[in-house]
């Protein structure tokens, strides 16, 4: 977990790179949305339309600013695994991440798992001291939510039968 001066260094590096439009280079491969499956692409399209309509142009600019500043979080947990990683390890890390989110919520701490937190892994590795044999899977920004409009947004949920099949 990065906090204090360590996180301040990560945030400063992240802000500079983002302002200079340095392309993210996360340790996990990023697939362009045109190559996503149909269901994921549709979910993303709907979410983007909803958030755009809700926030408007000014709100989207404020959200972009929050991302550049790593959501103004006072702490970010970085999740790593050894470089020799299998899809099952990624699955396990997802389950572990969900447990972190639930534990934080139980303590009234808000979280946001986001690509933005881990898009410059070389800086994170250098500042935090993450060994070269580890892959940074992602980061979870943690803190207490502000009263900002973005924190009042609730995306529509897909009907359960769109992604769950129960056979008897």
Protein backbone atom coordinates (compact mmCIF):
# COMPACT_ATOMS: atom_id res chain seq x y z
CA UNK A 1 0.00 0.00 0.00
CA UNK A 2 1.33 3.41 -0.94
CA UNK A 3 0.53 6.40 1.28
CA UNK A 4 2.18 9.65 2.36
CA UNK A 5 5.35 10.67 0.55
CA UNK A 6 5.48 7.43 -1.42
CA UNK A 7 2.04 8.00 -2.90
CA UNK A 8 2.80 11.69 -3.43
CA UNK A 9 5.79 10.68 -5.59
CA UNK A 10 3.65 8.23 -7.57
CA UNK A 11 0.96 10.88 -8.06
CA UNK A 12 3.47 13.51 -9.20
CA UNK A 13 4.97 11.13 -11.75
CA UNK A 14 1.51 10.04 -12.91
CA UNK A 15 0.29 13.62 -13.29
CA UNK A 16 3.36 14.68 -15.27
CA UNK A 17 3.10 11.71 -17.64
CA UNK A 18 -0.64 12.12 -18.08
CA UNK A 19 -0.34 15.85 -18.81
CA UNK A 20 2.41 15.05 -21.32
CA UNK A 21 0.09 12.45 -22.90
CA UNK A 22 2.48 9.56 -22.24
CA UNK A 23 0.69 6.38 -23.29
CA UNK A 24 -0.06 3.97 -20.47
CA UNK A 25 1.93 0.77 -20.43
CA UNK A 26 0.37 -1.45 -17.77
CA UNK A 27 1.94 -4.80 -16.99
CA UNK A 28 -1.23 -6.56 -18.16
CA UNK A 29 -2.06 -6.38 -21.85
CA UNK A 30 -4.77 -3.88 -22.73
CA UNK A 31 -7.15 -4.82 -25.51
CA UNK A 32 -8.60 -1.93 -27.51
CA UNK A 33 -12.34 -1.70 -27.11
CA UNK A 34 -12.92 -2.40 -30.82
CA UNK A 35 -11.53 -5.89 -30.12
CA UNK A 36 -13.75 -6.57 -27.09
CA UNK A 37 -16.54 -9.13 -27.18
CA UNK A 38 -20.00 -7.88 -28.04
CA UNK A 39 -21.43 -7.99 -24.48
CA UNK A 40 -18.47 -6.15 -22.92
CA UNK A 41 -18.44 -3.56 -25.70
CA UNK A 42 -22.17 -2.94 -25.23
CA UNK A 43 -21.79 -2.60 -21.43
CA UNK A 44 -19.00 -0.08 -21.96
CA UNK A 45 -21.00 1.85 -24.56
CA UNK A 46 -24.03 2.07 -22.26
CA UNK A 47 -21.92 3.09 -19.24
CA UNK A 48 -20.10 5.77 -21.24
CA UNK A 49 -23.40 7.18 -22.51
CA UNK A 50 -24.93 7.17 -19.01
CA UNK A 51 -21.96 8.81 -17.32
CA UNK A 52 -21.67 11.40 -20.11
CA UNK A 53 -25.36 12.28 -19.87
CA UNK A 54 -25.20 12.42 -16.07
CA UNK A 55 -22.04 14.50 -15.71
CA UNK A 56 -22.18 16.65 -18.82
CA UNK A 57 -19.09 18.19 -20.38
CA UNK A 58 -17.98 20.03 -17.24
CA UNK A 59 -18.46 16.98 -15.05
CA UNK A 60 -16.51 14.76 -17.44
CA UNK A 61 -13.63 17.24 -17.33
CA UNK A 62 -13.73 17.12 -13.51
CA UNK A 63 -13.74 13.30 -13.62
CA UNK A 64 -10.74 13.34 -15.97
CA UNK A 65 -8.97 15.61 -13.49
CA UNK A 66 -9.76 13.18 -10.67
CA UNK A 67 -8.20 10.37 -12.69
CA UNK A 68 -5.07 12.42 -13.36
CA UNK A 69 -4.74 12.92 -9.59
CA UNK A 70 -5.45 9.25 -8.84
CA UNK A 71 -8.86 10.14 -7.44
CA UNK A 72 -7.29 12.27 -4.65
CA UNK A 73 -6.96 9.02 -2.72
CA UNK A 74 -4.83 9.06 0.45
CA UNK A 75 -3.87 5.42 -0.17
CA UNK A 76 -3.52 3.04 -3.11
CA UNK A 77 -3.12 -0.70 -2.75
CA UNK A 78 -1.01 -2.20 -5.54
CA UNK A 79 -1.71 -5.86 -6.31
CA UNK A 80 1.18 -7.92 -7.61
CA UNK A 81 1.95 -11.51 -8.55
CA UNK A 82 5.11 -13.18 -9.78
CA UNK A 83 5.80 -12.61 -13.47
CA UNK A 84 5.16 -16.28 -14.32
CA UNK A 85 1.43 -15.77 -14.08
CA UNK A 86 -1.42 -17.97 -15.23
CA UNK A 87 -5.00 -16.90 -15.91
CA UNK A 88 -5.96 -18.69 -12.69
CA UNK A 89 -3.66 -16.40 -10.71
CA UNK A 90 -5.40 -13.42 -12.27
CA UNK A 91 -8.75 -14.95 -11.30
CA UNK A 92 -7.50 -15.43 -7.72
CA UNK A 93 -6.29 -11.82 -7.63
CA UNK A 94 -9.74 -10.68 -8.75
CA UNK A 95 -11.35 -12.60 -5.90
CA UNK A 96 -8.78 -11.20 -3.46
CA UNK A 97 -9.45 -7.68 -4.78
CA UNK A 98 -13.17 -8.11 -4.20
CA UNK A 99 -12.44 -9.15 -0.62
CA UNK A 100 -10.41 -5.96 -0.15
CA UNK A 101 -13.28 -3.87 -1.52
CA UNK A 102 -15.79 -5.56 0.79
CA UNK A 103 -13.52 -5.28 3.85
CA UNK A 104 -12.95 -1.59 3.15
CA UNK A 105 -16.69 -0.95 2.72
CA UNK A 106 -17.27 -2.69 6.05
CA UNK A 107 -14.99 -0.05 7.60
CA UNK A 108 -16.74 2.79 5.70
CA UNK A 109 -13.71 3.27 3.45
CA UNK A 110 -14.53 3.87 -0.21
CA UNK A 111 -12.55 2.24 -3.02
CA UNK A 112 -12.07 2.48 -6.74
CA UNK A 113 -10.21 -0.24 -8.61
CA UNK A 114 -9.01 1.43 -11.80
CA UNK A 115 -6.61 0.96 -14.69
CA UNK A 116 -5.51 4.54 -14.09
CA UNK A 117 -3.79 3.55 -10.85
CA UNK A 118 -1.47 1.09 -12.60
CA UNK A 119 -0.91 2.45 -16.09
CA UNK A 120 2.71 3.48 -15.40
CA UNK A 121 4.10 0.39 -13.63
CA UNK A 122 7.75 1.33 -14.16
CA UNK A 123 7.29 4.38 -11.91
CA UNK A 124 5.35 2.41 -9.31
CA UNK A 125 8.01 -0.31 -9.32
CA UNK A 126 10.81 2.24 -8.89
CA UNK A 127 9.10 4.33 -6.18
CA UNK A 128 7.59 1.47 -4.17
CA UNK A 129 10.46 -0.95 -4.70
CA UNK A 130 8.41 -3.70 -6.31
CA UNK A 131 10.74 -6.51 -7.43
CA UNK A 132 11.28 -6.88 -11.19
CA UNK A 133 10.00 -10.47 -11.02
CA UNK A 134 6.52 -9.23 -10.05
CA UNK A 135 3.73 -7.98 -12.31
CA UNK A 136 1.56 -5.13 -11.10
CA UNK A 137 -1.95 -6.44 -11.70
CA UNK A 138 -3.71 -3.24 -10.71
CA UNK A 139 -4.35 -0.72 -8.03
CA UNK A 140 -7.20 0.11 -5.70
CA UNK A 141 -7.52 3.76 -4.66
CA UNK A 142 -8.89 4.07 -1.12
CA UNK A 143 -10.31 6.93 0.91
CA UNK A 144 -13.50 8.70 1.87
CA UNK A 145 -15.84 9.90 -0.83
CA UNK A 146 -16.39 13.57 -1.43
CA UNK A 147 -19.76 15.16 -2.06
CA UNK A 148 -18.84 15.51 -5.75
CA UNK A 149 -21.47 14.72 -8.36
CA UNK A 150 -19.49 11.72 -9.64
CA UNK A 151 -20.02 10.00 -6.29
CA UNK A 152 -23.79 10.20 -6.66
CA UNK A 153 -23.80 8.33 -9.99
CA UNK A 154 -25.38 4.89 -10.11
CA UNK A 155 -25.08 2.98 -13.37
CA UNK A 156 -27.99 0.90 -14.57
CA UNK A 157 -27.45 -2.80 -14.07
CA UNK A 158 -27.95 -5.44 -16.71
CA UNK A 159 -30.76 -7.87 -15.97
CA UNK A 160 -29.46 -10.98 -14.21
CA UNK A 161 -30.56 -13.28 -17.00
CA UNK A 162 -28.23 -11.41 -19.40
CA UNK A 163 -25.18 -12.89 -17.69
CA UNK A 164 -26.34 -15.74 -15.46
CA UNK A 165 -27.72 -19.08 -16.62
CA UNK A 166 -29.15 -21.52 -14.11
CA UNK A 167 -29.87 -25.04 -15.31
CA UNK A 168 -31.99 -27.36 -13.19
